Amino acid sequence: MLKKDRVILQNFSEAIQNEWLETNGLGGWSSSSIIGCNTRRYHGLLVAATKPPTERTVLLSKLDETIIINNERFELGVNDYGGVISPTGNQFLKTFSKELFPQWEYEVNGIRLKKTIAMIHGENTVVIIYDVLKAKKIFSMELLPLVAGRFYHSLQQAGPQMHWDVDFENGRFHNKPDGVLDIYINIPGSSYAHTPQVV
């Protein structure tokens, strides 16, 4: 079992030296550093093998989370924009562990949240489970999908090749980032605000 505590997790330069990987048996995967900061082109929350075991496409780079308590925002994500690290959500991490699946525990203003990531064997599907371990206050969560739609060896910048059209109904987000491949994000009971941003 791999386990890291807050001393390592809250030290950015040390934390990004450690990575996790989940596979689906098709040639696809989910991976990143242990603080969720993608540091290489092969990192992605959902890297799908569209013609198994090849033709891998990064469909979803990551899903940044924000906890909102009384209109105060606590961003849990970590992104490296070439010398600028923003946000710095690793400061809220208590533990990272990986036995069967990678798991993170966050502590934010009286709220303890556990996140688990798993891939479904034989499917280009990633599951993220959030368990509230403790909450002294009512809070909500905002999720920001960073959609890619690129061949896994390539790097790209947002531009006219990206398709921004989205269907959302009954908690299900649907997009075709490259105009061909479908990405679905299903969050029961959720609402959606269409504010596409070039990152």
N, C-alpha and C. Protein backbone atom coordinates (compact mmCIF):
# COMPACT_ATOMS: atom_id res chain seq x y z
N MET A 1 0.85 -1.19 0.00
CA MET A 1 0.00 0.00 0.00
C MET A 1 0.88 1.24 0.00
N LEU A 2 0.59 2.14 -0.90
CA LEU A 2 1.29 3.43 -0.97
C LEU A 2 0.51 4.45 -0.15
N LYS A 3 1.20 5.20 0.70
CA LYS A 3 0.52 6.22 1.49
C LYS A 3 1.44 7.42 1.67
N LYS A 4 0.89 8.63 1.48
CA LYS A 4 1.62 9.87 1.67
C LYS A 4 0.80 10.77 2.59
N ASP A 5 1.51 11.49 3.49
CA ASP A 5 0.80 12.37 4.42
C ASP A 5 0.90 13.82 3.97
N ARG A 6 0.32 14.69 4.78
CA ARG A 6 0.22 16.10 4.40
C ARG A 6 1.58 16.78 4.25
N VAL A 7 2.61 16.29 4.93
CA VAL A 7 3.94 16.90 4.82
C VAL A 7 4.43 16.84 3.37
N ILE A 8 4.25 15.68 2.74
CA ILE A 8 4.66 15.53 1.33
C ILE A 8 3.64 16.18 0.41
N LEU A 9 2.36 15.97 0.67
CA LEU A 9 1.29 16.47 -0.22
C LEU A 9 1.28 17.99 -0.32
N GLN A 10 1.62 18.66 0.76
CA GLN A 10 1.57 20.12 0.75
C GLN A 10 2.88 20.75 0.27
N ASN A 11 3.86 19.90 -0.06
CA ASN A 11 5.11 20.36 -0.65
C ASN A 11 5.04 20.08 -2.14
N PHE A 12 4.71 21.09 -2.94
CA PHE A 12 4.43 20.89 -4.36
C PHE A 12 5.56 20.18 -5.09
N SER A 13 6.79 20.65 -4.95
CA SER A 13 7.91 20.09 -5.71
C SER A 13 8.17 18.63 -5.36
N GLU A 14 7.90 18.24 -4.12
CA GLU A 14 8.08 16.85 -3.73
C GLU A 14 6.89 16.00 -4.16
N ALA A 15 5.68 16.54 -4.01
CA ALA A 15 4.46 15.78 -4.31
C ALA A 15 4.37 15.41 -5.78
N ILE A 16 4.77 16.32 -6.68
CA ILE A 16 4.61 16.02 -8.11
C ILE A 16 5.59 14.95 -8.61
N GLN A 17 6.52 14.53 -7.76
CA GLN A 17 7.43 13.43 -8.12
C GLN A 17 6.74 12.06 -7.97
N ASN A 18 5.57 12.04 -7.36
CA ASN A 18 4.83 10.80 -7.12
C ASN A 18 3.58 10.77 -7.98
N GLU A 19 3.32 9.61 -8.62
CA GLU A 19 2.19 9.49 -9.53
C GLU A 19 1.34 8.27 -9.20
N TRP A 20 0.12 8.26 -9.73
CA TRP A 20 -0.76 7.10 -9.62
C TRP A 20 -1.27 6.75 -11.01
N LEU A 21 -1.73 5.50 -11.18
CA LEU A 21 -2.22 5.02 -12.47
C LEU A 21 -3.30 3.98 -12.25
N GLU A 22 -4.40 4.12 -12.95
CA GLU A 22 -5.48 3.13 -12.99
C GLU A 22 -5.66 2.74 -14.45
N THR A 23 -5.86 1.45 -14.75
CA THR A 23 -6.05 1.00 -16.12
C THR A 23 -7.40 0.30 -16.27
N ASN A 24 -7.82 0.14 -17.54
CA ASN A 24 -9.14 -0.47 -17.78
C ASN A 24 -9.10 -1.78 -18.55
N GLY A 25 -7.91 -2.30 -18.85
CA GLY A 25 -7.81 -3.57 -19.55
C GLY A 25 -7.99 -3.46 -21.05
N LEU A 26 -8.27 -2.25 -21.54
CA LEU A 26 -8.44 -2.02 -22.97
C LEU A 26 -7.26 -1.29 -23.58
N GLY A 27 -6.35 -0.81 -22.73
CA GLY A 27 -5.28 0.05 -23.19
C GLY A 27 -5.49 1.50 -22.78
N GLY A 28 -6.59 1.77 -22.10
CA GLY A 28 -6.87 3.12 -21.59
C GLY A 28 -6.49 3.24 -20.13
N TRP A 29 -6.47 4.47 -19.63
CA TRP A 29 -6.07 4.68 -18.24
C TRP A 29 -6.56 6.01 -17.68
N SER A 30 -6.33 6.16 -16.40
CA SER A 30 -6.53 7.39 -15.66
C SER A 30 -5.27 7.58 -14.83
N SER A 31 -4.65 8.77 -14.88
CA SER A 31 -3.41 8.96 -14.11
C SER A 31 -3.11 10.44 -13.92
N SER A 32 -2.29 10.70 -12.92
CA SER A 32 -1.82 12.06 -12.64
C SER A 32 -0.78 11.97 -11.53
N SER A 33 -0.35 13.13 -11.05
CA SER A 33 0.48 13.15 -9.84
C SER A 33 -0.45 12.95 -8.64
N ILE A 34 0.12 12.69 -7.47
CA ILE A 34 -0.71 12.39 -6.30
C ILE A 34 -1.47 13.61 -5.79
N ILE A 35 -1.15 14.82 -6.28
CA ILE A 35 -1.93 16.00 -5.90
C ILE A 35 -2.86 16.44 -7.03
N GLY A 36 -2.95 15.63 -8.09
CA GLY A 36 -3.87 15.93 -9.18
C GLY A 36 -3.37 16.96 -10.16
N CYS A 37 -2.11 17.32 -10.09
CA CYS A 37 -1.52 18.27 -11.03
C CYS A 37 -0.90 17.46 -12.18
N ASN A 38 -1.45 17.60 -13.37
CA ASN A 38 -0.92 16.89 -14.52
C ASN A 38 0.43 17.49 -14.91
N THR A 39 1.45 16.63 -14.96
CA THR A 39 2.81 17.10 -15.23
C THR A 39 3.38 16.55 -16.53
N ARG A 40 2.62 15.70 -17.20
CA ARG A 40 3.08 15.16 -18.49
C ARG A 40 1.89 14.99 -19.42
N ARG A 41 2.16 14.92 -20.72
CA ARG A 41 1.08 14.85 -21.72
C ARG A 41 0.27 13.57 -21.59
N TYR A 42 0.82 12.53 -20.94
CA TYR A 42 0.12 11.26 -20.81
C TYR A 42 -0.80 11.21 -19.59
N HIS A 43 -0.77 12.24 -18.78
CA HIS A 43 -1.71 12.32 -17.66
C HIS A 43 -3.10 12.68 -18.17
N GLY A 44 -4.10 12.13 -17.54
CA GLY A 44 -5.48 12.46 -17.89
C GLY A 44 -6.43 11.67 -17.02
N LEU A 45 -7.55 12.27 -16.70
CA LEU A 45 -8.56 11.58 -15.90
C LEU A 45 -9.20 10.45 -16.70
N LEU A 46 -9.37 10.68 -18.01
CA LEU A 46 -9.88 9.63 -18.90
C LEU A 46 -9.11 9.65 -20.20
N VAL A 47 -8.19 8.69 -20.33
CA VAL A 47 -7.46 8.46 -21.59
C VAL A 47 -8.06 7.18 -22.16
N ALA A 48 -8.85 7.33 -23.22
CA ALA A 48 -9.63 6.22 -23.77
C ALA A 48 -8.90 5.55 -24.92
N ALA A 49 -8.95 4.21 -24.95
CA ALA A 49 -8.45 3.44 -26.09
C ALA A 49 -9.63 3.26 -27.04
N THR A 50 -9.69 4.10 -28.08
CA THR A 50 -10.87 4.12 -28.96
C THR A 50 -10.90 2.95 -29.94
N LYS A 51 -9.73 2.36 -30.23
CA LYS A 51 -9.65 1.12 -31.02
C LYS A 51 -8.73 0.19 -30.25
N PRO A 52 -9.24 -0.42 -29.16
CA PRO A 52 -8.40 -1.17 -28.24
C PRO A 52 -7.48 -2.14 -28.96
N PRO A 53 -6.21 -2.21 -28.51
CA PRO A 53 -5.62 -1.48 -27.38
C PRO A 53 -4.89 -0.20 -27.81
N THR A 54 -5.20 0.33 -28.98
CA THR A 54 -4.49 1.51 -29.49
C THR A 54 -5.44 2.70 -29.66
N GLU A 55 -4.97 3.68 -30.45
CA GLU A 55 -5.75 4.91 -30.74
C GLU A 55 -6.21 5.55 -29.43
N ARG A 56 -5.26 5.84 -28.57
CA ARG A 56 -5.60 6.43 -27.27
C ARG A 56 -5.82 7.93 -27.40
N THR A 57 -6.89 8.40 -26.77
CA THR A 57 -7.27 9.81 -26.83
C THR A 57 -7.51 10.33 -25.41
N VAL A 58 -6.90 11.47 -25.09
CA VAL A 58 -7.19 12.12 -23.80
C VAL A 58 -8.51 12.85 -23.97
N LEU A 59 -9.57 12.30 -23.40
CA LEU A 59 -10.88 12.94 -23.50
C LEU A 59 -11.08 13.96 -22.39
N LEU A 60 -10.70 13.60 -21.18
CA LEU A 60 -10.88 14.48 -20.03
C LEU A 60 -9.56 14.62 -19.30
N SER A 61 -8.97 15.81 -19.35
CA SER A 61 -7.68 16.03 -18.68
C SER A 61 -7.83 15.90 -17.18
N LYS A 62 -8.85 16.54 -16.62
CA LYS A 62 -9.07 16.47 -15.18
C LYS A 62 -10.41 17.08 -14.84
N LEU A 63 -10.78 16.98 -13.59
CA LEU A 63 -12.02 17.55 -13.07
C LEU A 63 -11.65 18.32 -11.81
N ASP A 64 -11.61 19.63 -11.91
CA ASP A 64 -11.24 20.45 -10.74
C ASP A 64 -12.46 20.66 -9.85
N GLU A 65 -12.26 20.45 -8.54
CA GLU A 65 -13.35 20.57 -7.57
C GLU A 65 -13.19 21.83 -6.73
N THR A 66 -14.33 22.42 -6.39
CA THR A 66 -14.36 23.56 -5.47
C THR A 66 -15.44 23.31 -4.43
N ILE A 67 -15.08 23.44 -3.16
CA ILE A 67 -16.06 23.37 -2.07
C ILE A 67 -16.53 24.79 -1.78
N ILE A 68 -17.84 24.97 -1.68
CA ILE A 68 -18.41 26.30 -1.44
C ILE A 68 -19.18 26.27 -0.12
N ILE A 69 -18.74 27.13 0.81
CA ILE A 69 -19.38 27.24 2.13
C ILE A 69 -19.77 28.70 2.33
N ASN A 70 -21.06 28.97 2.42
CA ASN A 70 -21.55 30.36 2.60
C ASN A 70 -20.89 31.33 1.61
N ASN A 71 -20.90 30.96 0.35
CA ASN A 71 -20.33 31.76 -0.74
C ASN A 71 -18.81 31.90 -0.69
N GLU A 72 -18.15 31.23 0.26
CA GLU A 72 -16.69 31.21 0.29
C GLU A 72 -16.21 29.98 -0.46
N ARG A 73 -15.26 30.17 -1.38
CA ARG A 73 -14.80 29.11 -2.27
C ARG A 73 -13.44 28.55 -1.85
N PHE A 74 -13.35 27.22 -1.84
CA PHE A 74 -12.10 26.54 -1.52
C PHE A 74 -11.80 25.59 -2.67
N GLU A 75 -10.83 25.95 -3.50
CA GLU A 75 -10.50 25.16 -4.68
C GLU A 75 -9.54 24.05 -4.31
N LEU A 76 -9.91 22.81 -4.69
CA LEU A 76 -9.12 21.64 -4.33
C LEU A 76 -8.12 21.25 -5.43
N GLY A 77 -8.28 21.80 -6.61
CA GLY A 77 -7.42 21.45 -7.73
C GLY A 77 -6.03 22.05 -7.63
N VAL A 78 -5.12 21.53 -8.46
CA VAL A 78 -3.76 22.05 -8.57
C VAL A 78 -3.39 22.03 -10.05
N ASN A 79 -3.00 23.18 -10.59
CA ASN A 79 -2.61 23.27 -11.99
C ASN A 79 -1.32 24.06 -12.12
N ASP A 80 -0.45 23.59 -13.02
CA ASP A 80 0.82 24.26 -13.30
C ASP A 80 0.70 24.94 -14.65
N TYR A 81 0.65 26.26 -14.65
CA TYR A 81 0.52 27.04 -15.88
C TYR A 81 1.87 27.62 -16.30
N GLY A 82 2.92 26.78 -16.22
CA GLY A 82 4.23 27.23 -16.66
C GLY A 82 4.85 28.26 -15.75
N GLY A 83 5.03 27.93 -14.51
CA GLY A 83 5.63 28.85 -13.55
C GLY A 83 4.64 29.44 -12.57
N VAL A 84 3.35 29.35 -12.88
CA VAL A 84 2.30 29.81 -11.96
C VAL A 84 1.48 28.60 -11.56
N ILE A 85 1.42 28.33 -10.27
CA ILE A 85 0.63 27.21 -9.75
C ILE A 85 -0.67 27.78 -9.23
N SER A 86 -1.79 27.39 -9.85
CA SER A 86 -3.09 27.92 -9.44
C SER A 86 -4.20 26.98 -9.91
N PRO A 87 -5.09 26.63 -8.98
CA PRO A 87 -5.06 26.90 -7.54
C PRO A 87 -4.04 26.00 -6.84
N THR A 88 -3.98 26.12 -5.54
CA THR A 88 -3.05 25.32 -4.74
C THR A 88 -3.83 24.46 -3.74
N GLY A 89 -4.74 23.66 -4.28
CA GLY A 89 -5.62 22.84 -3.45
C GLY A 89 -4.91 21.75 -2.67
N ASN A 90 -3.64 21.47 -3.00
CA ASN A 90 -2.90 20.47 -2.22
C ASN A 90 -2.71 20.91 -0.77
N GLN A 91 -2.91 22.20 -0.49
CA GLN A 91 -2.82 22.69 0.89
C GLN A 91 -3.95 22.15 1.77
N PHE A 92 -5.01 21.61 1.12
CA PHE A 92 -6.13 21.03 1.88
C PHE A 92 -6.03 19.51 1.99
N LEU A 93 -5.01 18.91 1.38
CA LEU A 93 -4.88 17.45 1.40
C LEU A 93 -4.30 16.96 2.73
N LYS A 94 -4.95 15.94 3.30
CA LYS A 94 -4.44 15.30 4.52
C LYS A 94 -3.66 14.05 4.17
N THR A 95 -4.25 13.19 3.30
CA THR A 95 -3.59 11.94 2.94
C THR A 95 -3.88 11.57 1.50
N PHE A 96 -2.95 10.82 0.93
CA PHE A 96 -3.16 10.11 -0.32
C PHE A 96 -2.78 8.67 -0.05
N SER A 97 -3.58 7.73 -0.54
CA SER A 97 -3.24 6.31 -0.40
C SER A 97 -3.69 5.56 -1.64
N LYS A 98 -2.99 4.48 -1.93
CA LYS A 98 -3.41 3.61 -3.03
C LYS A 98 -3.16 2.18 -2.61
N GLU A 99 -4.25 1.47 -2.40
CA GLU A 99 -4.19 0.04 -2.17
C GLU A 99 -4.81 -0.59 -3.40
N LEU A 100 -6.15 -0.66 -3.45
CA LEU A 100 -6.83 -1.12 -4.65
C LEU A 100 -7.04 0.06 -5.60
N PHE A 101 -7.55 1.18 -5.05
CA PHE A 101 -7.80 2.38 -5.84
C PHE A 101 -7.11 3.57 -5.18
N PRO A 102 -6.76 4.59 -5.96
CA PRO A 102 -6.21 5.81 -5.34
C PRO A 102 -7.30 6.56 -4.58
N GLN A 103 -6.93 7.05 -3.39
CA GLN A 103 -7.88 7.79 -2.55
C GLN A 103 -7.19 9.01 -1.94
N TRP A 104 -7.95 10.08 -1.84
CA TRP A 104 -7.46 11.32 -1.25
C TRP A 104 -8.40 11.72 -0.13
N GLU A 105 -7.84 12.33 0.91
CA GLU A 105 -8.68 12.90 1.97
C GLU A 105 -8.33 14.38 2.12
N TYR A 106 -9.36 15.21 1.99
CA TYR A 106 -9.22 16.66 2.10
C TYR A 106 -9.85 17.12 3.41
N GLU A 107 -9.29 18.19 3.98
CA GLU A 107 -9.89 18.83 5.15
C GLU A 107 -9.96 20.33 4.89
N VAL A 108 -11.20 20.83 4.85
CA VAL A 108 -11.44 22.23 4.50
C VAL A 108 -12.45 22.82 5.45
N ASN A 109 -12.02 23.74 6.32
CA ASN A 109 -12.94 24.51 7.15
C ASN A 109 -14.01 23.65 7.83
N GLY A 110 -13.57 22.59 8.51
CA GLY A 110 -14.52 21.73 9.23
C GLY A 110 -15.15 20.63 8.39
N ILE A 111 -14.77 20.53 7.12
CA ILE A 111 -15.31 19.49 6.23
C ILE A 111 -14.18 18.52 5.89
N ARG A 112 -14.46 17.23 6.04
CA ARG A 112 -13.53 16.19 5.61
C ARG A 112 -14.17 15.41 4.49
N LEU A 113 -13.45 15.34 3.37
CA LEU A 113 -13.98 14.74 2.16
C LEU A 113 -13.00 13.70 1.64
N LYS A 114 -13.51 12.51 1.31
CA LYS A 114 -12.67 11.47 0.72
C LYS A 114 -13.06 11.29 -0.74
N LYS A 115 -12.04 11.25 -1.61
CA LYS A 115 -12.27 11.04 -3.04
C LYS A 115 -11.60 9.75 -3.46
N THR A 116 -12.32 8.93 -4.23
CA THR A 116 -11.80 7.67 -4.76
C THR A 116 -11.97 7.68 -6.27
N ILE A 117 -10.94 7.24 -7.00
CA ILE A 117 -11.01 7.13 -8.45
C ILE A 117 -10.82 5.68 -8.85
N ALA A 118 -11.71 5.18 -9.72
CA ALA A 118 -11.62 3.81 -10.20
C ALA A 118 -11.98 3.77 -11.68
N MET A 119 -11.36 2.86 -12.40
CA MET A 119 -11.73 2.62 -13.79
C MET A 119 -12.53 1.32 -13.87
N ILE A 120 -13.49 1.28 -14.78
CA ILE A 120 -14.30 0.08 -14.99
C ILE A 120 -13.56 -0.82 -15.99
N HIS A 121 -13.32 -2.06 -15.59
CA HIS A 121 -12.60 -2.99 -16.47
C HIS A 121 -13.41 -3.25 -17.74
N GLY A 122 -12.75 -3.12 -18.88
CA GLY A 122 -13.39 -3.39 -20.16
C GLY A 122 -14.21 -2.24 -20.71
N GLU A 123 -14.13 -1.07 -20.06
CA GLU A 123 -14.87 0.11 -20.53
C GLU A 123 -13.96 1.34 -20.47
N ASN A 124 -14.22 2.28 -21.36
CA ASN A 124 -13.55 3.59 -21.28
C ASN A 124 -14.36 4.47 -20.34
N THR A 125 -14.37 4.07 -19.07
CA THR A 125 -15.18 4.73 -18.05
C THR A 125 -14.36 4.92 -16.79
N VAL A 126 -14.40 6.12 -16.23
CA VAL A 126 -13.77 6.38 -14.95
C VAL A 126 -14.86 6.82 -13.96
N VAL A 127 -14.75 6.32 -12.74
CA VAL A 127 -15.74 6.63 -11.70
C VAL A 127 -15.03 7.40 -10.59
N ILE A 128 -15.64 8.51 -10.16
CA ILE A 128 -15.12 9.28 -9.05
C ILE A 128 -16.18 9.28 -7.96
N ILE A 129 -15.78 8.85 -6.77
CA ILE A 129 -16.72 8.79 -5.64
C ILE A 129 -16.26 9.78 -4.58
N TYR A 130 -17.18 10.62 -4.14
CA TYR A 130 -16.91 11.57 -3.06
C TYR A 130 -17.69 11.13 -1.83
N ASP A 131 -16.98 10.89 -0.74
CA ASP A 131 -17.62 10.53 0.54
C ASP A 131 -17.39 11.66 1.53
N VAL A 132 -18.47 12.16 2.11
CA VAL A 132 -18.36 13.19 3.15
C VAL A 132 -18.13 12.48 4.48
N LEU A 133 -16.93 12.63 5.04
CA LEU A 133 -16.58 11.99 6.30
C LEU A 133 -17.01 12.82 7.50
N LYS A 134 -17.04 14.14 7.31
CA LYS A 134 -17.42 15.05 8.39
C LYS A 134 -17.81 16.38 7.78
N ALA A 135 -18.87 16.98 8.28
CA ALA A 135 -19.28 18.30 7.79
C ALA A 135 -20.03 19.03 8.90
N LYS A 136 -19.39 20.08 9.43
CA LYS A 136 -20.03 20.89 10.46
C LYS A 136 -20.99 21.90 9.86
N LYS A 137 -20.84 22.14 8.54
CA LYS A 137 -21.66 23.14 7.87
C LYS A 137 -22.21 22.55 6.58
N ILE A 138 -23.29 23.14 6.10
CA ILE A 138 -23.81 22.78 4.78
C ILE A 138 -22.88 23.34 3.73
N PHE A 139 -22.60 22.54 2.71
CA PHE A 139 -21.72 23.02 1.64
C PHE A 139 -22.18 22.45 0.31
N SER A 140 -21.69 23.03 -0.75
CA SER A 140 -21.94 22.49 -2.09
C SER A 140 -20.61 22.32 -2.79
N MET A 141 -20.63 21.57 -3.88
CA MET A 141 -19.42 21.34 -4.67
C MET A 141 -19.65 21.79 -6.10
N GLU A 142 -18.63 22.41 -6.64
CA GLU A 142 -18.63 22.81 -8.04
C GLU A 142 -17.54 22.02 -8.74
N LEU A 143 -17.86 21.43 -9.89
CA LEU A 143 -16.91 20.63 -10.65
C LEU A 143 -16.66 21.30 -12.00
N LEU A 144 -15.40 21.44 -12.34
CA LEU A 144 -15.01 22.06 -13.61
C LEU A 144 -14.28 21.03 -14.47
N PRO A 145 -14.96 20.50 -15.52
CA PRO A 145 -14.28 19.53 -16.38
C PRO A 145 -13.32 20.23 -17.34
N LEU A 146 -12.06 19.78 -17.35
CA LEU A 146 -11.08 20.29 -18.30
C LEU A 146 -11.00 19.27 -19.43
N VAL A 147 -11.78 19.54 -20.49
CA VAL A 147 -11.96 18.62 -21.61
C VAL A 147 -10.82 18.82 -22.61
N ALA A 148 -10.32 17.71 -23.17
CA ALA A 148 -9.18 17.81 -24.09
C ALA A 148 -9.55 17.37 -25.51
N GLY A 149 -9.82 16.08 -25.71
CA GLY A 149 -10.11 15.57 -27.04
C GLY A 149 -8.89 15.59 -27.95
N ARG A 150 -7.75 15.09 -27.46
CA ARG A 150 -6.51 15.10 -28.25
C ARG A 150 -5.85 13.73 -28.23
N PHE A 151 -5.10 13.41 -29.29
CA PHE A 151 -4.32 12.19 -29.35
C PHE A 151 -3.30 12.23 -28.21
N TYR A 152 -3.08 11.12 -27.54
CA TYR A 152 -2.32 11.13 -26.28
C TYR A 152 -0.85 11.50 -26.43
N HIS A 153 -0.27 11.38 -27.64
CA HIS A 153 1.11 11.80 -27.84
C HIS A 153 1.20 13.31 -28.10
N SER A 154 0.09 13.93 -28.42
CA SER A 154 0.10 15.33 -28.86
C SER A 154 -0.15 16.29 -27.71
N LEU A 155 0.24 17.53 -27.94
CA LEU A 155 -0.16 18.64 -27.08
C LEU A 155 -0.96 19.59 -27.95
N GLN A 156 -1.88 20.30 -27.35
CA GLN A 156 -2.66 21.25 -28.14
C GLN A 156 -3.05 22.43 -27.27
N GLN A 157 -3.37 23.50 -27.94
CA GLN A 157 -3.93 24.67 -27.27
C GLN A 157 -5.36 24.82 -27.76
N ALA A 158 -6.19 25.40 -26.93
CA ALA A 158 -7.59 25.59 -27.32
C ALA A 158 -7.66 26.46 -28.56
N GLY A 159 -8.58 26.12 -29.43
CA GLY A 159 -8.72 26.88 -30.67
C GLY A 159 -9.96 26.44 -31.41
N PRO A 160 -10.05 26.74 -32.70
CA PRO A 160 -11.26 26.44 -33.46
C PRO A 160 -11.54 24.96 -33.63
N GLN A 161 -10.53 24.09 -33.37
CA GLN A 161 -10.75 22.66 -33.50
C GLN A 161 -11.60 22.11 -32.35
N MET A 162 -11.72 22.85 -31.25
CA MET A 162 -12.52 22.40 -30.12
C MET A 162 -14.00 22.67 -30.36
N HIS A 163 -14.82 21.70 -30.01
CA HIS A 163 -16.28 21.84 -30.13
C HIS A 163 -16.84 22.14 -28.75
N TRP A 164 -17.47 23.29 -28.60
CA TRP A 164 -17.93 23.76 -27.30
C TRP A 164 -19.39 23.43 -27.02
N ASP A 165 -20.11 22.90 -28.01
CA ASP A 165 -21.53 22.59 -27.81
C ASP A 165 -21.69 21.50 -26.75
N VAL A 166 -22.66 21.69 -25.87
CA VAL A 166 -22.90 20.76 -24.77
C VAL A 166 -24.39 20.48 -24.67
N ASP A 167 -24.72 19.22 -24.44
CA ASP A 167 -26.09 18.84 -24.06
C ASP A 167 -26.05 18.52 -22.58
N PHE A 168 -27.05 18.98 -21.85
CA PHE A 168 -27.14 18.65 -20.42
C PHE A 168 -28.59 18.40 -20.07
N GLU A 169 -28.84 17.23 -19.51
CA GLU A 169 -30.20 16.88 -19.11
C GLU A 169 -30.14 15.83 -18.01
N ASN A 170 -30.94 16.02 -16.97
CA ASN A 170 -31.03 15.06 -15.85
C ASN A 170 -29.67 14.68 -15.28
N GLY A 171 -28.82 15.69 -15.07
CA GLY A 171 -27.53 15.45 -14.46
C GLY A 171 -26.48 14.85 -15.36
N ARG A 172 -26.76 14.81 -16.68
CA ARG A 172 -25.79 14.21 -17.61
C ARG A 172 -25.29 15.24 -18.62
N PHE A 173 -23.97 15.44 -18.59
CA PHE A 173 -23.27 16.34 -19.50
C PHE A 173 -22.78 15.52 -20.69
N HIS A 174 -22.97 16.06 -21.90
CA HIS A 174 -22.51 15.37 -23.12
C HIS A 174 -21.84 16.38 -24.04
N ASN A 175 -20.66 16.00 -24.52
CA ASN A 175 -19.88 16.86 -25.41
C ASN A 175 -19.10 15.99 -26.38
N LYS A 176 -18.79 16.53 -27.57
CA LYS A 176 -17.89 15.89 -28.53
C LYS A 176 -16.74 16.85 -28.76
N PRO A 177 -15.71 16.81 -27.91
CA PRO A 177 -14.66 17.83 -27.97
C PRO A 177 -13.94 17.92 -29.30
N ASP A 178 -13.78 16.77 -29.97
CA ASP A 178 -13.09 16.78 -31.26
C ASP A 178 -14.08 16.66 -32.43
N GLY A 179 -15.38 16.70 -32.12
CA GLY A 179 -16.40 16.58 -33.15
C GLY A 179 -16.73 15.15 -33.52
N VAL A 180 -16.01 14.18 -32.93
CA VAL A 180 -16.21 12.77 -33.28
C VAL A 180 -16.51 11.92 -32.05
N LEU A 181 -15.61 11.97 -31.07
CA LEU A 181 -15.73 11.13 -29.89
C LEU A 181 -16.64 11.76 -28.84
N ASP A 182 -17.46 10.93 -28.21
CA ASP A 182 -18.39 11.40 -27.18
C ASP A 182 -17.76 11.31 -25.81
N ILE A 183 -18.04 12.32 -24.99
CA ILE A 183 -17.70 12.27 -23.57
C ILE A 183 -18.98 12.55 -22.78
N TYR A 184 -19.23 11.71 -21.79
CA TYR A 184 -20.39 11.86 -20.92
C TYR A 184 -19.90 12.00 -19.49
N ILE A 185 -20.47 12.94 -18.76
CA ILE A 185 -20.21 13.07 -17.32
C ILE A 185 -21.56 13.03 -16.64
N ASN A 186 -21.76 12.03 -15.80
CA ASN A 186 -23.05 11.83 -15.16
C ASN A 186 -22.93 12.11 -13.67
N ILE A 187 -23.65 13.15 -13.20
CA ILE A 187 -23.64 13.52 -11.78
C ILE A 187 -25.10 13.69 -11.35
N PRO A 188 -25.69 12.67 -10.72
CA PRO A 188 -27.10 12.75 -10.33
C PRO A 188 -27.38 13.97 -9.46
N GLY A 189 -28.47 14.65 -9.77
CA GLY A 189 -28.90 15.80 -8.97
C GLY A 189 -28.14 17.08 -9.23
N SER A 190 -27.31 17.10 -10.25
CA SER A 190 -26.48 18.29 -10.50
C SER A 190 -27.19 19.26 -11.44
N SER A 191 -26.67 20.48 -11.47
CA SER A 191 -27.09 21.49 -12.44
C SER A 191 -25.86 21.90 -13.23
N TYR A 192 -26.06 22.60 -14.34
CA TYR A 192 -24.94 22.92 -15.23
C TYR A 192 -25.02 24.37 -15.68
N ALA A 193 -23.88 25.06 -15.65
CA ALA A 193 -23.78 26.42 -16.18
C ALA A 193 -22.79 26.39 -17.33
N HIS A 194 -23.22 26.80 -18.52
CA HIS A 194 -22.36 26.74 -19.71
C HIS A 194 -21.50 28.00 -19.78
N THR A 195 -20.27 27.87 -19.30
CA THR A 195 -19.31 28.97 -19.34
C THR A 195 -17.97 28.45 -19.83
N PRO A 196 -17.90 28.09 -21.13
CA PRO A 196 -16.64 27.52 -21.65
C PRO A 196 -15.50 28.51 -21.52
N GLN A 197 -14.34 28.01 -21.13
CA GLN A 197 -13.16 28.86 -20.95
C GLN A 197 -11.97 28.21 -21.63
N VAL A 198 -11.17 29.02 -22.26
CA VAL A 198 -9.94 28.56 -22.88
C VAL A 198 -8.85 28.61 -21.82
N VAL A 199 -8.24 27.43 -21.56
CA VAL A 199 -7.18 27.36 -20.53
C VAL A 199 -5.89 26.96 -21.21
